Protein backbone atom coordinates (compact mmCIF):
# COMPACT_ATOMS: atom_id res chain seq x y z
CA UNK A 1 0.00 0.00 0.00
CA UNK A 2 1.57 3.31 -1.04
CA UNK A 3 2.21 5.91 1.61
CA UNK A 4 0.63 9.32 1.16
CA UNK A 5 2.76 12.32 2.01
CA UNK A 6 1.33 14.56 4.67
CA UNK A 7 1.18 18.34 4.22
CA UNK A 8 4.26 18.92 6.38
CA UNK A 9 6.33 16.43 4.40
CA UNK A 10 5.22 17.90 1.07
CA UNK A 11 6.03 21.45 2.15
CA UNK A 12 9.45 20.43 3.48
CA UNK A 13 10.15 18.48 0.29
CA UNK A 14 9.24 21.45 -1.90
CA UNK A 15 11.35 23.79 0.27
CA UNK A 16 14.29 21.43 -0.09
CA UNK A 17 13.89 21.16 -3.87
CA UNK A 18 13.57 24.92 -4.22
CA UNK A 19 16.70 25.45 -2.14
CA UNK A 20 18.58 23.09 -4.44
CA UNK A 21 17.26 24.90 -7.51
CA UNK A 22 18.39 28.26 -6.13
CA UNK A 23 21.90 26.91 -5.71
CA UNK A 24 21.85 25.62 -9.27
CA UNK A 25 20.63 28.97 -10.59
CA UNK A 26 23.42 30.78 -8.74
CA UNK A 27 26.03 28.49 -10.29
CA UNK A 28 24.49 28.83 -13.74
CA UNK A 29 24.29 32.63 -13.52
CA UNK A 30 27.95 32.82 -12.52
CA UNK A 31 28.96 30.79 -15.57
CA UNK A 32 26.71 32.45 -18.17
CA UNK A 33 28.27 34.93 -20.59
CA UNK A 34 25.13 35.67 -22.61
CA UNK A 35 23.52 38.76 -21.01
CA UNK A 36 19.98 37.88 -22.12
CA UNK A 37 20.20 34.31 -20.84
CA UNK A 38 21.79 35.54 -17.62
CA UNK A 39 18.96 38.04 -17.09
CA UNK A 40 16.32 35.38 -17.77
CA UNK A 41 17.86 32.97 -15.26
CA UNK A 42 18.11 35.79 -12.70
CA UNK A 43 14.40 36.50 -13.16
CA UNK A 44 13.57 32.82 -12.68
CA UNK A 45 15.77 32.71 -9.59
CA UNK A 46 14.11 35.82 -8.15
CA UNK A 47 10.68 34.29 -8.73
CA UNK A 48 11.73 31.06 -7.03
CA UNK A 49 13.18 32.99 -4.09
CA UNK A 50 9.85 34.79 -3.68
CA UNK A 51 7.98 31.46 -3.86
CA UNK A 52 10.35 29.85 -1.37
CA UNK A 53 9.87 32.69 1.11
CA UNK A 54 6.08 32.55 0.81
CA UNK A 55 6.11 28.78 1.32
CA UNK A 56 8.46 29.20 4.29
CA UNK A 57 6.03 31.69 5.85
CA UNK A 58 3.15 29.24 5.35
CA UNK A 59 5.17 26.40 6.86
CA UNK A 60 6.07 28.55 9.85
CA UNK A 61 2.43 29.62 10.37
CA UNK A 62 1.24 26.00 10.29
CA UNK A 63 3.97 24.91 12.69
CA UNK A 64 5.70 22.78 10.04
CA UNK A 65 8.95 24.67 10.41
CA UNK A 66 10.55 26.24 13.43
CA UNK A 67 13.54 28.43 12.61
CA UNK A 68 16.55 28.50 14.87
CA UNK A 69 16.63 31.16 17.55
CA UNK A 70 18.00 34.47 16.34
CA UNK A 71 21.60 35.17 17.19
CA UNK A 72 22.22 37.89 19.73
CA UNK A 73 24.50 40.87 19.08
CA UNK A 74 27.56 39.32 20.75
CA UNK A 75 27.25 36.15 18.63
CA UNK A 76 27.07 38.28 15.48
CA UNK A 77 30.13 40.27 16.51
CA UNK A 78 32.06 37.06 17.26
CA UNK A 79 31.34 35.67 13.80
CA UNK A 80 32.24 39.00 12.17
CA UNK A 81 35.59 39.06 13.95
CA UNK A 82 36.27 35.46 12.94
CA UNK A 83 35.69 36.16 9.25
CA UNK A 84 37.58 39.44 9.29
CA UNK A 85 34.70 41.88 8.87
C-alpha atoms as a PDB file:
ATOM      1  CA  UNK A   1       0.000   0.000   0.000  1.00  0.00           C
ATOM      2  CA  UNK A   2       1.573   3.314  -1.038  1.00  0.00           C
ATOM      3  CA  UNK A   3       2.207   5.915   1.612  1.00  0.00           C
ATOM      4  CA  UNK A   4       0.626   9.318   1.164  1.00  0.00           C
ATOM      5  CA  UNK A   5       2.755  12.316   2.008  1.00  0.00           C
ATOM      6  CA  UNK A   6       1.333  14.560   4.669  1.00  0.00           C
ATOM      7  CA  UNK A   7       1.181  18.341   4.225  1.00  0.00           C
ATOM      8  CA  UNK A   8       4.256  18.924   6.377  1.00  0.00           C
ATOM      9  CA  UNK A   9       6.325  16.431   4.399  1.00  0.00           C
ATOM     10  CA  UNK A  10       5.215  17.901   1.070  1.00  0.00           C
ATOM     11  CA  UNK A  11       6.034  21.452   2.153  1.00  0.00           C
ATOM     12  CA  UNK A  12       9.447  20.433   3.484  1.00  0.00           C
ATOM     13  CA  UNK A  13      10.154  18.478   0.293  1.00  0.00           C
ATOM     14  CA  UNK A  14       9.244  21.452  -1.895  1.00  0.00           C
ATOM     15  CA  UNK A  15      11.350  23.793   0.265  1.00  0.00           C
ATOM     16  CA  UNK A  16      14.292  21.428  -0.094  1.00  0.00           C
ATOM     17  CA  UNK A  17      13.891  21.156  -3.872  1.00  0.00           C
ATOM     18  CA  UNK A  18      13.575  24.920  -4.220  1.00  0.00           C
ATOM     19  CA  UNK A  19      16.699  25.452  -2.138  1.00  0.00           C
ATOM     20  CA  UNK A  20      18.581  23.088  -4.437  1.00  0.00           C
ATOM     21  CA  UNK A  21      17.261  24.903  -7.514  1.00  0.00           C
ATOM     22  CA  UNK A  22      18.385  28.262  -6.127  1.00  0.00           C
ATOM     23  CA  UNK A  23      21.902  26.906  -5.709  1.00  0.00           C
ATOM     24  CA  UNK A  24      21.854  25.615  -9.274  1.00  0.00           C
ATOM     25  CA  UNK A  25      20.629  28.973 -10.592  1.00  0.00           C
ATOM     26  CA  UNK A  26      23.422  30.778  -8.743  1.00  0.00           C
ATOM     27  CA  UNK A  27      26.027  28.494 -10.291  1.00  0.00           C
ATOM     28  CA  UNK A  28      24.489  28.831 -13.737  1.00  0.00           C
ATOM     29  CA  UNK A  29      24.288  32.630 -13.517  1.00  0.00           C
ATOM     30  CA  UNK A  30      27.948  32.820 -12.520  1.00  0.00           C
ATOM     31  CA  UNK A  31      28.956  30.792 -15.565  1.00  0.00           C
ATOM     32  CA  UNK A  32      26.714  32.450 -18.174  1.00  0.00           C
ATOM     33  CA  UNK A  33      28.269  34.926 -20.586  1.00  0.00           C
ATOM     34  CA  UNK A  34      25.129  35.675 -22.614  1.00  0.00           C
ATOM     35  CA  UNK A  35      23.515  38.756 -21.006  1.00  0.00           C
ATOM     36  CA  UNK A  36      19.982  37.882 -22.121  1.00  0.00           C
ATOM     37  CA  UNK A  37      20.201  34.314 -20.842  1.00  0.00           C
ATOM     38  CA  UNK A  38      21.790  35.535 -17.616  1.00  0.00           C
ATOM     39  CA  UNK A  39      18.958  38.036 -17.094  1.00  0.00           C
ATOM     40  CA  UNK A  40      16.320  35.376 -17.772  1.00  0.00           C
ATOM     41  CA  UNK A  41      17.859  32.966 -15.256  1.00  0.00           C
ATOM     42  CA  UNK A  42      18.112  35.789 -12.701  1.00  0.00           C
ATOM     43  CA  UNK A  43      14.399  36.501 -13.161  1.00  0.00           C
ATOM     44  CA  UNK A  44      13.568  32.815 -12.683  1.00  0.00           C
ATOM     45  CA  UNK A  45      15.772  32.714  -9.591  1.00  0.00           C
ATOM     46  CA  UNK A  46      14.108  35.816  -8.153  1.00  0.00           C
ATOM     47  CA  UNK A  47      10.678  34.295  -8.734  1.00  0.00           C
ATOM     48  CA  UNK A  48      11.728  31.056  -7.032  1.00  0.00           C
ATOM     49  CA  UNK A  49      13.178  32.988  -4.089  1.00  0.00           C
ATOM     50  CA  UNK A  50       9.853  34.787  -3.681  1.00  0.00           C
ATOM     51  CA  UNK A  51       7.978  31.464  -3.865  1.00  0.00           C
ATOM     52  CA  UNK A  52      10.352  29.854  -1.369  1.00  0.00           C
ATOM     53  CA  UNK A  53       9.866  32.686   1.112  1.00  0.00           C
ATOM     54  CA  UNK A  54       6.078  32.549   0.814  1.00  0.00           C
ATOM     55  CA  UNK A  55       6.111  28.782   1.325  1.00  0.00           C
ATOM     56  CA  UNK A  56       8.460  29.205   4.291  1.00  0.00           C
ATOM     57  CA  UNK A  57       6.025  31.690   5.848  1.00  0.00           C
ATOM     58  CA  UNK A  58       3.151  29.241   5.347  1.00  0.00           C
ATOM     59  CA  UNK A  59       5.166  26.404   6.859  1.00  0.00           C
ATOM     60  CA  UNK A  60       6.070  28.548   9.849  1.00  0.00           C
ATOM     61  CA  UNK A  61       2.432  29.622  10.374  1.00  0.00           C
ATOM     62  CA  UNK A  62       1.243  26.003  10.292  1.00  0.00           C
ATOM     63  CA  UNK A  63       3.971  24.911  12.691  1.00  0.00           C
ATOM     64  CA  UNK A  64       5.703  22.781  10.040  1.00  0.00           C
ATOM     65  CA  UNK A  65       8.949  24.665  10.411  1.00  0.00           C
ATOM     66  CA  UNK A  66      10.549  26.238  13.432  1.00  0.00           C
ATOM     67  CA  UNK A  67      13.535  28.425  12.610  1.00  0.00           C
ATOM     68  CA  UNK A  68      16.549  28.505  14.865  1.00  0.00           C
ATOM     69  CA  UNK A  69      16.634  31.160  17.553  1.00  0.00           C
ATOM     70  CA  UNK A  70      17.995  34.466  16.344  1.00  0.00           C
ATOM     71  CA  UNK A  71      21.598  35.175  17.191  1.00  0.00           C
ATOM     72  CA  UNK A  72      22.219  37.894  19.727  1.00  0.00           C
ATOM     73  CA  UNK A  73      24.495  40.874  19.079  1.00  0.00           C
ATOM     74  CA  UNK A  74      27.561  39.323  20.752  1.00  0.00           C
ATOM     75  CA  UNK A  75      27.253  36.153  18.626  1.00  0.00           C
ATOM     76  CA  UNK A  76      27.073  38.280  15.477  1.00  0.00           C
ATOM     77  CA  UNK A  77      30.132  40.271  16.512  1.00  0.00           C
ATOM     78  CA  UNK A  78      32.056  37.062  17.261  1.00  0.00           C
ATOM     79  CA  UNK A  79      31.337  35.673  13.801  1.00  0.00           C
ATOM     80  CA  UNK A  80      32.238  38.995  12.172  1.00  0.00           C
ATOM     81  CA  UNK A  81      35.586  39.062  13.946  1.00  0.00           C
ATOM     82  CA  UNK A  82      36.274  35.457  12.936  1.00  0.00           C
ATOM     83  CA  UNK A  83      35.691  36.159   9.247  1.00  0.00           C
ATOM     84  CA  UNK A  84      37.578  39.438   9.291  1.00  0.00           C
ATOM     85  CA  UNK A  85      34.699  41.880   8.866  1.00  0.00           C
END
